């Protein structure tokens, strides 16, 4: 899955981002600022990182990343 697709889905759910180290970006959930996922910026994102983001953003509705 491409970064832009993940970023678009997170923005649609109201998540905000801030720069991380290097090419990483930290996304924060709108619920209470406790759910955070780190996603790499350019190109393709590995399935492991996608799975980790889905687990960490547990407060988002099921199927938010389709």
N, C-alpha and C. Protein backbone atom coordinates (compact mmCIF):
# COMPACT_ATOMS: atom_id res chain seq x y z
N UNK A 1 0.85 -1.17 0.00
CA UNK A 1 0.00 0.00 0.00
C UNK A 1 0.90 1.24 0.00
N UNK A 2 0.47 2.24 -0.70
CA UNK A 2 1.27 3.46 -0.81
C UNK A 2 1.02 4.40 0.38
N UNK A 3 2.05 5.18 0.67
CA UNK A 3 1.96 6.14 1.78
C UNK A 3 0.79 7.09 1.60
N UNK A 4 0.60 7.58 0.41
CA UNK A 4 -0.46 8.57 0.19
C UNK A 4 -1.84 8.00 0.50
N UNK A 5 -2.05 6.70 0.26
CA UNK A 5 -3.34 6.07 0.57
C UNK A 5 -3.56 5.98 2.08
N UNK A 6 -2.49 5.63 2.80
CA UNK A 6 -2.58 5.55 4.26
C UNK A 6 -2.80 6.94 4.84
N UNK A 7 -2.04 7.92 4.36
CA UNK A 7 -2.18 9.29 4.86
C UNK A 7 -3.58 9.83 4.59
N UNK A 8 -4.12 9.55 3.43
CA UNK A 8 -5.47 10.01 3.08
C UNK A 8 -6.50 9.39 4.03
N UNK A 9 -6.36 8.09 4.32
CA UNK A 9 -7.31 7.41 5.21
C UNK A 9 -7.21 7.96 6.63
N UNK A 10 -5.99 8.22 7.09
CA UNK A 10 -5.81 8.76 8.44
C UNK A 10 -6.38 10.17 8.55
N UNK A 11 -6.14 10.99 7.54
CA UNK A 11 -6.68 12.36 7.55
C UNK A 11 -8.20 12.34 7.53
N UNK A 12 -8.77 11.41 6.77
CA UNK A 12 -10.23 11.30 6.67
C UNK A 12 -10.84 10.97 8.04
N UNK A 13 -10.09 10.24 8.87
CA UNK A 13 -10.58 9.88 10.20
C UNK A 13 -10.28 10.96 11.24
N UNK A 14 -9.63 12.04 10.82
CA UNK A 14 -9.36 13.15 11.74
C UNK A 14 -8.02 13.08 12.44
N UNK A 15 -7.16 12.17 12.02
CA UNK A 15 -5.84 12.04 12.64
C UNK A 15 -4.94 13.18 12.18
N UNK A 16 -3.98 13.52 13.02
CA UNK A 16 -3.02 14.56 12.68
C UNK A 16 -1.62 13.96 12.63
N UNK A 17 -0.73 14.62 11.91
CA UNK A 17 0.63 14.11 11.79
C UNK A 17 1.64 15.15 12.21
N UNK A 18 2.80 14.65 12.58
CA UNK A 18 3.93 15.51 12.88
C UNK A 18 5.18 14.79 12.38
N UNK A 19 6.22 15.52 12.07
CA UNK A 19 7.45 14.88 11.58
C UNK A 19 8.07 13.99 12.66
N UNK A 20 8.62 12.89 12.21
CA UNK A 20 9.37 12.02 13.10
C UNK A 20 10.83 12.10 12.71
N UNK A 21 11.59 11.07 13.02
CA UNK A 21 13.00 11.05 12.64
C UNK A 21 13.15 10.58 11.20
N UNK A 22 13.98 11.26 10.46
CA UNK A 22 14.24 10.86 9.08
C UNK A 22 12.99 10.93 8.22
N UNK A 23 12.67 9.81 7.56
CA UNK A 23 11.51 9.80 6.67
C UNK A 23 10.26 9.25 7.35
N UNK A 24 10.22 9.30 8.67
CA UNK A 24 9.07 8.82 9.41
C UNK A 24 8.13 9.96 9.77
N UNK A 25 6.87 9.61 9.92
CA UNK A 25 5.85 10.57 10.32
C UNK A 25 5.04 9.93 11.44
N UNK A 26 4.75 10.69 12.48
CA UNK A 26 3.99 10.18 13.62
C UNK A 26 2.55 10.68 13.49
N UNK A 27 1.62 9.74 13.43
CA UNK A 27 0.19 10.07 13.31
C UNK A 27 -0.46 9.88 14.66
N UNK A 28 -1.29 10.85 15.05
CA UNK A 28 -1.97 10.82 16.34
C UNK A 28 -3.48 10.77 16.11
N UNK A 29 -4.13 9.92 16.88
CA UNK A 29 -5.57 9.74 16.78
C UNK A 29 -6.31 10.93 17.41
N UNK A 30 -7.47 11.29 16.89
CA UNK A 30 -8.20 12.44 17.44
C UNK A 30 -8.89 12.17 18.77
N UNK A 31 -8.99 10.93 19.20
CA UNK A 31 -9.79 10.59 20.39
C UNK A 31 -9.23 11.19 21.67
N UNK A 32 -8.00 10.88 22.01
CA UNK A 32 -7.45 11.38 23.27
C UNK A 32 -5.94 11.58 23.23
N UNK A 33 -5.38 11.58 22.06
CA UNK A 33 -3.95 11.80 21.85
C UNK A 33 -3.07 10.68 22.40
N UNK A 34 -3.63 9.54 22.73
CA UNK A 34 -2.81 8.44 23.24
C UNK A 34 -2.47 7.41 22.17
N UNK A 35 -3.26 7.33 21.13
CA UNK A 35 -2.99 6.37 20.07
C UNK A 35 -2.09 7.01 19.02
N UNK A 36 -0.92 6.40 18.81
CA UNK A 36 0.03 6.94 17.84
C UNK A 36 0.56 5.81 16.96
N UNK A 37 0.76 6.13 15.69
CA UNK A 37 1.34 5.18 14.76
C UNK A 37 2.44 5.89 13.97
N UNK A 38 3.54 5.19 13.74
CA UNK A 38 4.65 5.75 12.98
C UNK A 38 4.63 5.11 11.59
N UNK A 39 4.63 5.96 10.57
CA UNK A 39 4.57 5.50 9.19
C UNK A 39 5.70 6.16 8.42
N UNK A 40 6.36 5.39 7.55
CA UNK A 40 7.41 5.97 6.72
C UNK A 40 6.78 6.70 5.54
N UNK A 41 7.40 7.80 5.14
CA UNK A 41 6.80 8.66 4.12
C UNK A 41 6.86 8.14 2.69
N UNK A 42 8.00 8.00 2.08
CA UNK A 42 7.99 7.78 0.63
C UNK A 42 7.60 6.38 0.19
N UNK A 43 6.87 6.30 -0.90
CA UNK A 43 6.61 5.03 -1.57
C UNK A 43 5.73 4.04 -0.85
N UNK A 44 6.09 2.77 -1.02
CA UNK A 44 5.32 1.65 -0.48
C UNK A 44 5.58 1.46 1.01
N UNK A 45 4.53 1.08 1.72
CA UNK A 45 4.63 0.78 3.14
C UNK A 45 4.46 -0.72 3.29
N UNK A 46 5.32 -1.34 4.09
CA UNK A 46 5.29 -2.79 4.24
C UNK A 46 4.02 -3.24 4.98
N UNK A 47 3.59 -4.48 4.73
CA UNK A 47 2.40 -5.00 5.41
C UNK A 47 2.54 -5.00 6.94
N UNK A 48 3.75 -5.18 7.45
CA UNK A 48 3.96 -5.17 8.89
C UNK A 48 3.68 -3.81 9.50
N UNK A 49 4.10 -2.76 8.82
CA UNK A 49 3.86 -1.39 9.30
C UNK A 49 2.38 -1.07 9.22
N UNK A 50 1.73 -1.52 8.16
CA UNK A 50 0.28 -1.32 8.01
C UNK A 50 -0.47 -2.00 9.16
N UNK A 51 -0.11 -3.25 9.44
CA UNK A 51 -0.75 -3.98 10.53
C UNK A 51 -0.52 -3.32 11.88
N UNK A 52 0.68 -2.81 12.08
CA UNK A 52 1.00 -2.11 13.33
C UNK A 52 0.16 -0.84 13.47
N UNK A 53 0.01 -0.10 12.38
CA UNK A 53 -0.79 1.13 12.42
C UNK A 53 -2.25 0.82 12.73
N UNK A 54 -2.77 -0.24 12.15
CA UNK A 54 -4.17 -0.63 12.40
C UNK A 54 -4.35 -1.00 13.88
N UNK A 55 -3.40 -1.74 14.44
CA UNK A 55 -3.49 -2.12 15.86
C UNK A 55 -3.38 -0.91 16.77
N UNK A 56 -2.46 -0.02 16.47
CA UNK A 56 -2.24 1.14 17.34
C UNK A 56 -3.38 2.15 17.27
N UNK A 57 -4.06 2.22 16.15
CA UNK A 57 -5.18 3.15 16.01
C UNK A 57 -6.49 2.40 16.28
N UNK A 58 -6.55 1.72 17.40
CA UNK A 58 -7.68 0.85 17.74
C UNK A 58 -8.99 1.61 17.90
N UNK A 59 -8.94 2.89 18.20
CA UNK A 59 -10.18 3.64 18.42
C UNK A 59 -10.87 4.03 17.10
N UNK A 60 -10.17 3.91 15.98
CA UNK A 60 -10.78 4.23 14.69
C UNK A 60 -11.75 3.11 14.31
N UNK A 61 -12.77 3.43 13.53
CA UNK A 61 -13.75 2.40 13.16
C UNK A 61 -13.12 1.27 12.36
N UNK A 62 -13.67 0.10 12.53
CA UNK A 62 -13.16 -1.08 11.81
C UNK A 62 -13.25 -0.84 10.30
N UNK A 63 -12.20 -1.20 9.60
CA UNK A 63 -12.18 -1.04 8.15
C UNK A 63 -11.82 0.36 7.69
N UNK A 64 -11.22 1.17 8.55
CA UNK A 64 -10.87 2.55 8.17
C UNK A 64 -9.83 2.59 7.07
N UNK A 65 -9.05 1.53 6.94
CA UNK A 65 -8.00 1.51 5.93
C UNK A 65 -8.35 0.47 4.87
N UNK A 66 -9.16 0.87 3.92
CA UNK A 66 -9.57 -0.04 2.84
C UNK A 66 -9.14 0.49 1.51
